[in-house]
């Protein structure tokens, strides 16, 4: 089984206020279906009100993230047998949220 990241940046979620509740309800239903199917690992949304920091090897922090780095929006991690199955879950989330989803594959790590 392979873990996949399904995500979208916050600026991709462009909904009228009356559409937001529907998108929330439907996307949560997809997540519940993934849990029932036993493929859900975890997910959530990035709290954009809290600034990211880089933690250095000596334990100090740098208030600047990596240049060009930006992580916003929401994400879901699923563990499924094939990329095609992951793409189907991404499609279901895209339909529910009303915005396209990015699909990325985690590299296999035998220790994780």
PDB file of N, CA and C in Angstrom:
ATOM      1  N   UNK A   1       0.859  -1.183   0.000  1.00  0.00           N
ATOM      2  CA  UNK A   1       0.000   0.000   0.000  1.00  0.00           C
ATOM      3  C   UNK A   1       0.898   1.236   0.000  1.00  0.00           C
ATOM      4  N   UNK A   2       0.435   2.248  -0.692  1.00  0.00           N
ATOM      5  CA  UNK A   2       1.180   3.496  -0.827  1.00  0.00           C
ATOM      6  C   UNK A   2       0.366   4.633  -0.231  1.00  0.00           C
ATOM      7  N   UNK A   3       1.061   5.557   0.415  1.00  0.00           N
ATOM      8  CA  UNK A   3       0.398   6.745   0.956  1.00  0.00           C
ATOM      9  C   UNK A   3       0.426   7.851  -0.092  1.00  0.00           C
ATOM     10  N   UNK A   4      -0.690   8.555  -0.196  1.00  0.00           N
ATOM     11  CA  UNK A   4      -0.836   9.655  -1.143  1.00  0.00           C
ATOM     12  C   UNK A   4      -1.324  10.892  -0.413  1.00  0.00           C
ATOM     13  N   UNK A   5      -0.834  12.030  -0.857  1.00  0.00           N
ATOM     14  CA  UNK A   5      -1.273  13.329  -0.352  1.00  0.00           C
ATOM     15  C   UNK A   5      -2.216  13.926  -1.390  1.00  0.00           C
ATOM     16  N   UNK A   6      -3.419  14.250  -0.961  1.00  0.00           N
ATOM     17  CA  UNK A   6      -4.395  14.944  -1.794  1.00  0.00           C
ATOM     18  C   UNK A   6      -4.572  16.315  -1.158  1.00  0.00           C
ATOM     19  N   UNK A   7      -4.352  17.381  -1.930  1.00  0.00           N
ATOM     20  CA  UNK A   7      -4.368  18.715  -1.313  1.00  0.00           C
ATOM     21  C   UNK A   7      -4.807  19.782  -2.298  1.00  0.00           C
ATOM     22  N   UNK A   8      -5.078  20.951  -1.735  1.00  0.00           N
ATOM     23  CA  UNK A   8      -5.389  22.131  -2.541  1.00  0.00           C
ATOM     24  C   UNK A   8      -4.900  23.365  -1.794  1.00  0.00           C
ATOM     25  N   UNK A   9      -4.417  24.386  -2.530  1.00  0.00           N
ATOM     26  CA  UNK A   9      -4.044  25.638  -1.869  1.00  0.00           C
ATOM     27  C   UNK A   9      -5.301  26.445  -1.554  1.00  0.00           C
ATOM     28  N   UNK A  10      -5.253  27.238  -0.520  1.00  0.00           N
ATOM     29  CA  UNK A  10      -6.444  27.967  -0.090  1.00  0.00           C
ATOM     30  C   UNK A  10      -7.034  28.858  -1.179  1.00  0.00           C
ATOM     31  N   UNK A  11      -6.170  29.427  -2.036  1.00  0.00           N
ATOM     32  CA  UNK A  11      -6.702  30.323  -3.071  1.00  0.00           C
ATOM     33  C   UNK A  11      -7.487  29.575  -4.149  1.00  0.00           C
ATOM     34  N   UNK A  12      -7.386  28.254  -4.198  1.00  0.00           N
ATOM     35  CA  UNK A  12      -8.151  27.476  -5.177  1.00  0.00           C
ATOM     36  C   UNK A  12      -9.607  27.300  -4.761  1.00  0.00           C
ATOM     37  N   UNK A  13      -9.870  27.430  -3.474  1.00  0.00           N
ATOM     38  CA  UNK A  13     -11.223  27.233  -2.963  1.00  0.00           C
ATOM     39  C   UNK A  13     -11.979  28.556  -3.044  1.00  0.00           C
ATOM     40  N   UNK A  14     -12.599  28.796  -4.180  1.00  0.00           N
ATOM     41  CA  UNK A  14     -13.341  30.035  -4.419  1.00  0.00           C
ATOM     42  C   UNK A  14     -14.814  29.680  -4.449  1.00  0.00           C
ATOM     43  N   UNK A  15     -15.483  29.896  -3.328  1.00  0.00           N
ATOM     44  CA  UNK A  15     -16.889  29.548  -3.203  1.00  0.00           C
ATOM     45  C   UNK A  15     -17.692  30.751  -2.725  1.00  0.00           C
ATOM     46  N   UNK A  16     -18.904  30.847  -3.205  1.00  0.00           N
ATOM     47  CA  UNK A  16     -19.828  31.835  -2.653  1.00  0.00           C
ATOM     48  C   UNK A  16     -20.178  31.385  -1.234  1.00  0.00           C
ATOM     49  N   UNK A  17     -20.501  32.328  -0.358  1.00  0.00           N
ATOM     50  CA  UNK A  17     -20.802  31.955   1.034  1.00  0.00           C
ATOM     51  C   UNK A  17     -21.848  30.846   1.154  1.00  0.00           C
ATOM     52  N   UNK A  18     -22.839  30.866   0.303  1.00  0.00           N
ATOM     53  CA  UNK A  18     -23.888  29.845   0.389  1.00  0.00           C
ATOM     54  C   UNK A  18     -23.404  28.465  -0.089  1.00  0.00           C
ATOM     55  N   UNK A  19     -22.289  28.407  -0.805  1.00  0.00           N
ATOM     56  CA  UNK A  19     -21.743  27.138  -1.273  1.00  0.00           C
ATOM     57  C   UNK A  19     -20.805  26.494  -0.248  1.00  0.00           C
ATOM     58  N   UNK A  20     -20.295  27.291   0.679  1.00  0.00           N
ATOM     59  CA  UNK A  20     -19.292  26.796   1.608  1.00  0.00           C
ATOM     60  C   UNK A  20     -19.823  25.673   2.498  1.00  0.00           C
ATOM     61  N   UNK A  21     -21.036  25.816   3.011  1.00  0.00           N
ATOM     62  CA  UNK A  21     -21.596  24.780   3.884  1.00  0.00           C
ATOM     63  C   UNK A  21     -21.784  23.468   3.120  1.00  0.00           C
ATOM     64  N   UNK A  22     -22.263  23.545   1.877  1.00  0.00           N
ATOM     65  CA  UNK A  22     -22.427  22.349   1.061  1.00  0.00           C
ATOM     66  C   UNK A  22     -21.081  21.664   0.831  1.00  0.00           C
ATOM     67  N   UNK A  23     -20.060  22.456   0.467  1.00  0.00           N
ATOM     68  CA  UNK A  23     -18.731  21.901   0.212  1.00  0.00           C
ATOM     69  C   UNK A  23     -18.164  21.254   1.472  1.00  0.00           C
ATOM     70  N   UNK A  24     -18.352  21.881   2.611  1.00  0.00           N
ATOM     71  CA  UNK A  24     -17.873  21.309   3.877  1.00  0.00           C
ATOM     72  C   UNK A  24     -18.574  19.989   4.170  1.00  0.00           C
ATOM     73  N   UNK A  25     -19.871  19.974   4.035  1.00  0.00           N
ATOM     74  CA  UNK A  25     -20.650  18.770   4.311  1.00  0.00           C
ATOM     75  C   UNK A  25     -20.258  17.628   3.366  1.00  0.00           C
ATOM     76  N   UNK A  26     -20.162  17.936   2.078  1.00  0.00           N
ATOM     77  CA  UNK A  26     -19.859  16.896   1.098  1.00  0.00           C
ATOM     78  C   UNK A  26     -18.415  16.398   1.211  1.00  0.00           C
ATOM     79  N   UNK A  27     -17.483  17.289   1.497  1.00  0.00           N
ATOM     80  CA  UNK A  27     -16.095  16.834   1.642  1.00  0.00           C
ATOM     81  C   UNK A  27     -15.936  15.995   2.904  1.00  0.00           C
ATOM     82  N   UNK A  28     -16.645  16.352   3.960  1.00  0.00           N
ATOM     83  CA  UNK A  28     -16.599  15.519   5.172  1.00  0.00           C
ATOM     84  C   UNK A  28     -17.209  14.142   4.914  1.00  0.00           C
ATOM     85  N   UNK A  29     -18.209  14.074   4.055  1.00  0.00           N
ATOM     86  CA  UNK A  29     -18.814  12.785   3.706  1.00  0.00           C
ATOM     87  C   UNK A  29     -17.806  11.912   2.950  1.00  0.00           C
ATOM     88  N   UNK A  30     -17.010  12.513   2.082  1.00  0.00           N
ATOM     89  CA  UNK A  30     -15.970  11.751   1.374  1.00  0.00           C
ATOM     90  C   UNK A  30     -14.934  11.240   2.374  1.00  0.00           C
ATOM     91  N   UNK A  31     -14.546  12.083   3.319  1.00  0.00           N
ATOM     92  CA  UNK A  31     -13.579  11.662   4.347  1.00  0.00           C
ATOM     93  C   UNK A  31     -14.158  10.514   5.169  1.00  0.00           C
ATOM     94  N   UNK A  32     -15.422  10.604   5.538  1.00  0.00           N
ATOM     95  CA  UNK A  32     -16.057   9.517   6.294  1.00  0.00           C
ATOM     96  C   UNK A  32     -16.058   8.227   5.478  1.00  0.00           C
ATOM     97  N   UNK A  33     -16.310   8.337   4.168  1.00  0.00           N
ATOM     98  CA  UNK A  33     -16.282   7.153   3.293  1.00  0.00           C
ATOM     99  C   UNK A  33     -14.878   6.555   3.251  1.00  0.00           C
ATOM    100  N   UNK A  34     -13.855   7.403   3.229  1.00  0.00           N
ATOM    101  CA  UNK A  34     -12.467   6.917   3.241  1.00  0.00           C
ATOM    102  C   UNK A  34     -12.163   6.208   4.560  1.00  0.00           C
ATOM    103  N   UNK A  35     -12.692   6.730   5.656  1.00  0.00           N
ATOM    104  CA  UNK A  35     -12.497   6.073   6.955  1.00  0.00           C
ATOM    105  C   UNK A  35     -13.169   4.706   6.963  1.00  0.00           C
ATOM    106  N   UNK A  36     -14.401   4.643   6.469  1.00  0.00           N
ATOM    107  CA  UNK A  36     -15.130   3.370   6.421  1.00  0.00           C
ATOM    108  C   UNK A  36     -14.388   2.369   5.535  1.00  0.00           C
ATOM    109  N   UNK A  37     -13.806   2.861   4.441  1.00  0.00           N
ATOM    110  CA  UNK A  37     -13.054   1.994   3.525  1.00  0.00           C
ATOM    111  C   UNK A  37     -11.707   1.582   4.092  1.00  0.00           C
ATOM    112  N   UNK A  38     -11.291   2.202   5.210  1.00  0.00           N
ATOM    113  CA  UNK A  38     -10.031   1.848   5.844  1.00  0.00           C
ATOM    114  C   UNK A  38      -8.801   2.419   5.163  1.00  0.00           C
ATOM    115  N   UNK A  39      -8.970   3.485   4.359  1.00  0.00           N
ATOM    116  CA  UNK A  39      -7.830   4.056   3.631  1.00  0.00           C
ATOM    117  C   UNK A  39      -7.392   5.419   4.175  1.00  0.00           C
ATOM    118  N   UNK A  40      -8.155   5.976   5.104  1.00  0.00           N
ATOM    119  CA  UNK A  40      -7.851   7.308   5.653  1.00  0.00           C
ATOM    120  C   UNK A  40      -6.692   7.208   6.628  1.00  0.00           C
ATOM    121  N   UNK A  41      -5.691   8.081   6.486  1.00  0.00           N
ATOM    122  CA  UNK A  41      -4.572   8.144   7.424  1.00  0.00           C
ATOM    123  C   UNK A  41      -4.759   9.360   8.326  1.00  0.00           C
ATOM    124  N   UNK A  42      -4.792  10.553   7.747  1.00  0.00           N
ATOM    125  CA  UNK A  42      -5.098  11.772   8.483  1.00  0.00           C
ATOM    126  C   UNK A  42      -5.301  12.902   7.493  1.00  0.00           C
ATOM    127  N   UNK A  43      -5.775  14.019   7.989  1.00  0.00           N
ATOM    128  CA  UNK A  43      -5.978  15.176   7.126  1.00  0.00           C
ATOM    129  C   UNK A  43      -6.303  16.386   7.966  1.00  0.00           C
ATOM    130  N   UNK A  44      -6.432  17.503   7.300  1.00  0.00           N
ATOM    131  CA  UNK A  44      -6.764  18.728   7.999  1.00  0.00           C
ATOM    132  C   UNK A  44      -6.533  19.932   7.118  1.00  0.00           C
ATOM    133  N   UNK A  45      -6.545  21.066   7.756  1.00  0.00           N
ATOM    134  CA  UNK A  45      -6.300  22.320   7.067  1.00  0.00           C
ATOM    135  C   UNK A  45      -5.149  23.045   7.742  1.00  0.00           C
ATOM    136  N   UNK A  46      -4.401  23.788   6.959  1.00  0.00           N
ATOM    137  CA  UNK A  46      -3.289  24.559   7.490  1.00  0.00           C
ATOM    138  C   UNK A  46      -3.841  25.821   8.151  1.00  0.00           C
ATOM    139  N   UNK A  47      -3.440  26.075   9.390  1.00  0.00           N
ATOM    140  CA  UNK A  47      -3.862  27.281  10.094  1.00  0.00           C
ATOM    141  C   UNK A  47      -3.013  28.449   9.593  1.00  0.00           C
ATOM    142  N   UNK A  48      -3.552  29.192   8.654  1.00  0.00           N
ATOM    143  CA  UNK A  48      -2.808  30.279   8.035  1.00  0.00           C
ATOM    144  C   UNK A  48      -2.685  31.512   8.924  1.00  0.00           C
ATOM    145  N   UNK A  49      -3.385  31.515  10.062  1.00  0.00           N
ATOM    146  CA  UNK A  49      -3.264  32.623  11.000  1.00  0.00           C
ATOM    147  C   UNK A  49      -1.989  32.512  11.834  1.00  0.00           C
ATOM    148  N   UNK A  50      -1.356  31.344  11.802  1.00  0.00           N
ATOM    149  CA  UNK A  50      -0.117  31.120  12.541  1.00  0.00           C
ATOM    150  C   UNK A  50       1.021  31.040  11.526  1.00  0.00           C
ATOM    151  N   UNK A  51       1.974  31.961  11.650  1.00  0.00           N
ATOM    152  CA  UNK A  51       3.080  32.034  10.693  1.00  0.00           C
ATOM    153  C   UNK A  51       4.003  30.824  10.826  1.00  0.00           C
ATOM    154  N   UNK A  52       4.491  30.288   9.712  1.00  0.00           N
ATOM    155  CA  UNK A  52       5.455  29.188   9.794  1.00  0.00           C
ATOM    156  C   UNK A  52       6.824  29.704  10.230  1.00  0.00           C
ATOM    157  N   UNK A  53       7.608  28.840  10.822  1.00  0.00           N
ATOM    158  CA  UNK A  53       8.998  29.154  11.179  1.00  0.00           C
ATOM    159  C   UNK A  53       9.856  27.960  10.777  1.00  0.00           C
ATOM    160  N   UNK A  54      11.126  28.242  10.515  1.00  0.00           N
ATOM    161  CA  UNK A  54      12.087  27.167  10.272  1.00  0.00           C
ATOM    162  C   UNK A  54      12.818  26.909  11.579  1.00  0.00           C
ATOM    163  N   UNK A  55      12.904  25.663  11.961  1.00  0.00           N
ATOM    164  CA  UNK A  55      13.661  25.288  13.149  1.00  0.00           C
ATOM    165  C   UNK A  55      15.008  24.759  12.669  1.00  0.00           C
ATOM    166  N   UNK A  56      16.081  25.379  13.132  1.00  0.00           N
ATOM    167  CA  UNK A  56      17.424  25.038  12.697  1.00  0.00           C
ATOM    168  C   UNK A  56      17.999  23.892  13.535  1.00  0.00           C
ATOM    169  N   UNK A  57      19.074  23.299  13.043  1.00  0.00           N
ATOM    170  CA  UNK A  57      19.689  22.147  13.713  1.00  0.00           C
ATOM    171  C   UNK A  57      20.160  22.469  15.119  1.00  0.00           C
ATOM    172  N   UNK A  58      20.498  23.742  15.388  1.00  0.00           N
ATOM    173  CA  UNK A  58      20.956  24.111  16.738  1.00  0.00           C
ATOM    174  C   UNK A  58      19.791  24.453  17.668  1.00  0.00           C
ATOM    175  N   UNK A  59      18.549  24.285  17.168  1.00  0.00           N
ATOM    176  CA  UNK A  59      17.379  24.532  18.000  1.00  0.00           C
ATOM    177  C   UNK A  59      16.824  25.938  17.911  1.00  0.00           C
ATOM    178  N   UNK A  60      17.537  26.842  17.262  1.00  0.00           N
ATOM    179  CA  UNK A  60      17.019  28.194  17.100  1.00  0.00           C
ATOM    180  C   UNK A  60      15.994  28.195  15.972  1.00  0.00           C
ATOM    181  N   UNK A  61      15.243  29.278  15.911  1.00  0.00           N
ATOM    182  CA  UNK A  61      14.235  29.363  14.856  1.00  0.00           C
ATOM    183  C   UNK A  61      14.480  30.583  13.988  1.00  0.00           C
ATOM    184  N   UNK A  62      14.043  30.467  12.765  1.00  0.00           N
ATOM    185  CA  UNK A  62      14.129  31.542  11.785  1.00  0.00           C
ATOM    186  C   UNK A  62      12.693  31.838  11.362  1.00  0.00           C
ATOM    187  N   UNK A  63      12.257  33.096  11.499  1.00  0.00           N
ATOM    188  CA  UNK A  63      10.863  33.407  11.178  1.00  0.00           C
ATOM    189  C   UNK A  63      10.540  33.344   9.687  1.00  0.00           C
ATOM    190  N   UNK A  64      11.542  33.157   8.849  1.00  0.00           N
ATOM    191  CA  UNK A  64      11.312  33.094   7.410  1.00  0.00           C
ATOM    192  C   UNK A  64      11.245  31.636   6.959  1.00  0.00           C
ATOM    193  N   UNK A  65      10.169  31.243   6.252  1.00  0.00           N
ATOM    194  CA  UNK A  65      10.148  29.890   5.694  1.00  0.00           C
ATOM    195  C   UNK A  65      11.154  29.781   4.553  1.00  0.00           C
ATOM    196  N   UNK A  66      11.346  28.589   4.054  1.00  0.00           N
ATOM    197  CA  UNK A  66      12.227  28.418   2.906  1.00  0.00           C
ATOM    198  C   UNK A  66      11.758  29.317   1.771  1.00  0.00           C
ATOM    199  N   UNK A  67      12.697  29.930   1.036  1.00  0.00           N
ATOM    200  CA  UNK A  67      12.300  30.764  -0.102  1.00  0.00           C
ATOM    201  C   UNK A  67      11.454  29.974  -1.091  1.00  0.00           C
ATOM    202  N   UNK A  68      10.347  30.539  -1.492  1.00  0.00           N
ATOM    203  CA  UNK A  68       9.448  29.890  -2.436  1.00  0.00           C
ATOM    204  C   UNK A  68       8.522  28.868  -1.803  1.00  0.00           C
ATOM    205  N   UNK A  69       8.707  28.589  -0.533  1.00  0.00           N
ATOM    206  CA  UNK A  69       7.874  27.605   0.144  1.00  0.00           C
ATOM    207  C   UNK A  69       6.547  28.236   0.549  1.00  0.00           C
ATOM    208  N   UNK A  70       5.477  27.493   0.289  1.00  0.00           N
ATOM    209  CA  UNK A  70       4.183  27.924   0.778  1.00  0.00           C
ATOM    210  C   UNK A  70       3.266  26.721   0.847  1.00  0.00           C
ATOM    211  N   UNK A  71       2.662  26.551   1.961  1.00  0.00           N
ATOM    212  CA  UNK A  71       1.723  25.465   2.161  1.00  0.00           C
ATOM    213  C   UNK A  71       0.484  26.076   2.781  1.00  0.00           C
ATOM    214  N   UNK A  72      -0.606  26.017   2.062  1.00  0.00           N
ATOM    215  CA  UNK A  72      -1.868  26.569   2.538  1.00  0.00           C
ATOM    216  C   UNK A  72      -2.972  25.580   2.207  1.00  0.00           C
ATOM    217  N   UNK A  73      -4.155  25.881   2.652  1.00  0.00           N
ATOM    218  CA  UNK A  73      -5.317  25.095   2.251  1.00  0.00           C
ATOM    219  C   UNK A  73      -5.518  23.852   3.079  1.00  0.00           C
ATOM    220  N   UNK A  74      -6.037  22.826   2.416  1.00  0.00           N
ATOM    221  CA  UNK A  74      -6.373  21.594   3.102  1.00  0.00           C
ATOM    222  C   UNK A  74      -5.696  20.401   2.468  1.00  0.00           C
ATOM    223  N   UNK A  75      -5.635  19.317   3.234  1.00  0.00           N
ATOM    224  CA  UNK A  75      -4.974  18.122   2.737  1.00  0.00           C
ATOM    225  C   UNK A  75      -5.576  16.875   3.372  1.00  0.00           C
ATOM    226  N   UNK A  76      -5.396  15.778   2.689  1.00  0.00           N
ATOM    227  CA  UNK A  76      -5.793  14.461   3.182  1.00  0.00           C
ATOM    228  C   UNK A  76      -4.699  13.475   2.784  1.00  0.00           C
ATOM    229  N   UNK A  77      -4.350  12.600   3.695  1.00  0.00           N
ATOM    230  CA  UNK A  77      -3.412  11.527   3.389  1.00  0.00           C
ATOM    231  C   UNK A  77      -4.200  10.223   3.424  1.00  0.00           C
ATOM    232  N   UNK A  78      -4.115   9.477   2.321  1.00  0.00           N
ATOM    233  CA  UNK A  78      -4.770   8.179   2.214  1.00  0.00           C
ATOM    234  C   UNK A  78      -3.726   7.117   1.902  1.00  0.00           C
ATOM    235  N   UNK A  79      -4.014   5.904   2.300  1.00  0.00           N
ATOM    236  CA  UNK A  79      -3.141   4.776   1.964  1.00  0.00           C
ATOM    237  C   UNK A  79      -3.974   3.787   1.161  1.00  0.00           C
ATOM    238  N   UNK A  80      -3.621   3.662  -0.115  1.00  0.00           N
ATOM    239  CA  UNK A  80      -4.378   2.822  -1.045  1.00  0.00           C
ATOM    240  C   UNK A  80      -3.416   1.989  -1.896  1.00  0.00           C
ATOM    241  N   UNK A  81      -3.921   0.951  -2.548  1.00  0.00           N
ATOM    242  CA  UNK A  81      -3.037   0.083  -3.316  1.00  0.00           C
ATOM    243  C   UNK A  81      -2.502   0.684  -4.610  1.00  0.00           C
ATOM    244  N   UNK A  82      -3.261   1.576  -5.255  1.00  0.00           N
ATOM    245  CA  UNK A  82      -2.837   2.064  -6.564  1.00  0.00           C
ATOM    246  C   UNK A  82      -3.022   3.576  -6.693  1.00  0.00           C
ATOM    247  N   UNK A  83      -2.259   4.143  -7.612  1.00  0.00           N
ATOM    248  CA  UNK A  83      -2.409   5.570  -7.931  1.00  0.00           C
ATOM    249  C   UNK A  83      -3.799   5.842  -8.507  1.00  0.00           C
ATOM    250  N   UNK A  84      -4.318   4.900  -9.251  1.00  0.00           N
ATOM    251  CA  UNK A  84      -5.655   5.070  -9.830  1.00  0.00           C
ATOM    252  C   UNK A  84      -6.712   5.198  -8.738  1.00  0.00           C
ATOM    253  N   UNK A  85      -6.593   4.396  -7.684  1.00  0.00           N
ATOM    254  CA  UNK A  85      -7.540   4.509  -6.575  1.00  0.00           C
ATOM    255  C   UNK A  85      -7.375   5.852  -5.869  1.00  0.00           C
ATOM    256  N   UNK A  86      -6.139   6.292  -5.686  1.00  0.00           N
ATOM    257  CA  UNK A  86      -5.896   7.605  -5.078  1.00  0.00           C
ATOM    258  C   UNK A  86      -6.506   8.712  -5.940  1.00  0.00           C
ATOM    259  N   UNK A  87      -6.358   8.590  -7.253  1.00  0.00           N
ATOM    260  CA  UNK A  87      -6.924   9.589  -8.162  1.00  0.00           C
ATOM    261  C   UNK A  87      -8.442   9.626  -8.059  1.00  0.00           C
ATOM    262  N   UNK A  88      -9.070   8.486  -7.846  1.00  0.00           N
ATOM    263  CA  UNK A  88     -10.524   8.465  -7.697  1.00  0.00           C
ATOM    264  C   UNK A  88     -10.945   9.177  -6.410  1.00  0.00           C
ATOM    265  N   UNK A  89     -10.216   8.958  -5.326  1.00  0.00           N
ATOM    266  CA  UNK A  89     -10.518   9.696  -4.085  1.00  0.00           C
ATOM    267  C   UNK A  89     -10.296  11.195  -4.293  1.00  0.00           C
ATOM    268  N   UNK A  90      -9.233  11.555  -5.005  1.00  0.00           N
ATOM    269  CA  UNK A  90      -8.976  12.976  -5.291  1.00  0.00           C
ATOM    270  C   UNK A  90     -10.111  13.565  -6.126  1.00  0.00           C
ATOM    271  N   UNK A  91     -10.605  12.804  -7.082  1.00  0.00           N
ATOM    272  CA  UNK A  91     -11.726  13.269  -7.898  1.00  0.00           C
ATOM    273  C   UNK A  91     -12.956  13.506  -7.028  1.00  0.00           C
ATOM    274  N   UNK A  92     -13.220  12.567  -6.125  1.00  0.00           N
ATOM    275  CA  UNK A  92     -14.379  12.709  -5.233  1.00  0.00           C
ATOM    276  C   UNK A  92     -14.239  13.946  -4.349  1.00  0.00           C
ATOM    277  N   UNK A  93     -13.028  14.186  -3.852  1.00  0.00           N
ATOM    278  CA  UNK A  93     -12.815  15.393  -3.038  1.00  0.00           C
ATOM    279  C   UNK A  93     -12.933  16.657  -3.878  1.00  0.00           C
ATOM    280  N   UNK A  94     -12.437  16.625  -5.104  1.00  0.00           N
ATOM    281  CA  UNK A  94     -12.554  17.788  -5.990  1.00  0.00           C
ATOM    282  C   UNK A  94     -14.017  18.116  -6.253  1.00  0.00           C
ATOM    283  N   UNK A  95     -14.807  17.087  -6.503  1.00  0.00           N
ATOM    284  CA  UNK A  95     -16.241  17.298  -6.741  1.00  0.00           C
ATOM    285  C   UNK A  95     -16.911  17.871  -5.495  1.00  0.00           C
ATOM    286  N   UNK A  96     -16.579  17.315  -4.327  1.00  0.00           N
ATOM    287  CA  UNK A  96     -17.197  17.772  -3.080  1.00  0.00           C
ATOM    288  C   UNK A  96     -16.786  19.196  -2.727  1.00  0.00           C
ATOM    289  N   UNK A  97     -15.504  19.500  -2.873  1.00  0.00           N
ATOM    290  CA  UNK A  97     -14.984  20.819  -2.494  1.00  0.00           C
ATOM    291  C   UNK A  97     -15.286  21.892  -3.526  1.00  0.00           C
ATOM    292  N   UNK A  98     -15.419  21.476  -4.757  1.00  0.00           N
ATOM    293  CA  UNK A  98     -15.615  22.463  -5.817  1.00  0.00           C
ATOM    294  C   UNK A  98     -14.309  23.068  -6.300  1.00  0.00           C
ATOM    295  N   UNK A  99     -13.191  22.365  -6.070  1.00  0.00           N
ATOM    296  CA  UNK A  99     -11.906  22.833  -6.601  1.00  0.00           C
ATOM    297  C   UNK A  99     -11.003  21.630  -6.865  1.00  0.00           C
ATOM    298  N   UNK A 100     -10.140  21.782  -7.852  1.00  0.00           N
ATOM    299  CA  UNK A 100      -9.217  20.711  -8.227  1.00  0.00           C
ATOM    300  C   UNK A 100      -8.303  20.367  -7.056  1.00  0.00           C
ATOM    301  N   UNK A 101      -7.865  19.131  -7.035  1.00  0.00           N
ATOM    302  CA  UNK A 101      -6.979  18.628  -5.987  1.00  0.00           C
ATOM    303  C   UNK A 101      -5.656  18.200  -6.610  1.00  0.00           C
ATOM    304  N   UNK A 102      -4.570  18.409  -5.887  1.00  0.00           N
ATOM    305  CA  UNK A 102      -3.269  17.893  -6.312  1.00  0.00           C
ATOM    306  C   UNK A 102      -3.079  16.516  -5.689  1.00  0.00           C
ATOM    307  N   UNK A 103      -2.480  15.619  -6.437  1.00  0.00           N
ATOM    308  CA  UNK A 103      -2.214  14.276  -5.961  1.00  0.00           C
ATOM    309  C   UNK A 103      -0.706  14.052  -5.980  1.00  0.00           C
ATOM    310  N   UNK A 104      -0.157  13.675  -4.830  1.00  0.00           N
ATOM    311  CA  UNK A 104       1.278  13.406  -4.712  1.00  0.00           C
ATOM    312  C   UNK A 104       1.462  12.073  -3.999  1.00  0.00           C
ATOM    313  N   UNK A 105       2.502  11.368  -4.400  1.00  0.00           N
ATOM    314  CA  UNK A 105       2.797  10.071  -3.815  1.00  0.00           C
ATOM    315  C   UNK A 105       3.966  10.196  -2.846  1.00  0.00           C
ATOM    316  N   UNK A 106       3.810   9.622  -1.660  1.00  0.00           N
ATOM    317  CA  UNK A 106       4.916   9.570  -0.707  1.00  0.00           C
ATOM    318  C   UNK A 106       5.862   8.458  -1.124  1.00  0.00           C
ATOM    319  N   UNK A 107       7.149   8.703  -0.935  1.00  0.00           N
ATOM    320  CA  UNK A 107       8.131   7.650  -1.181  1.00  0.00           C
ATOM    321  C   UNK A 107       8.014   6.601  -0.092  1.00  0.00           C
ATOM    322  N   UNK A 108       8.279   5.360  -0.449  1.00  0.00           N
ATOM    323  CA  UNK A 108       8.227   4.278   0.514  1.00  0.00           C
ATOM    324  C   UNK A 108       9.378   4.407   1.507  1.00  0.00           C
ATOM    325  N   UNK A 109       9.049   4.251   2.770  1.00  0.00           N
ATOM    326  CA  UNK A 109      10.055   4.248   3.835  1.00  0.00           C
ATOM    327  C   UNK A 109       9.749   3.040   4.705  1.00  0.00           C
ATOM    328  N   UNK A 110      10.594   2.006   4.672  1.00  0.00           N
ATOM    329  CA  UNK A 110      10.294   0.792   5.426  1.00  0.00           C
ATOM    330  C   UNK A 110      10.234   1.022   6.935  1.00  0.00           C
ATOM    331  N   UNK A 111      10.802   2.115   7.407  1.00  0.00           N
ATOM    332  CA  UNK A 111      10.788   2.386   8.850  1.00  0.00           C
ATOM    333  C   UNK A 111       9.519   3.096   9.306  1.00  0.00           C
ATOM    334  N   UNK A 112       8.698   3.557   8.358  1.00  0.00           N
ATOM    335  CA  UNK A 112       7.501   4.310   8.796  1.00  0.00           C
ATOM    336  C   UNK A 112       6.256   3.471   8.745  1.00  0.00           C
TER     337      UNK A 112
END
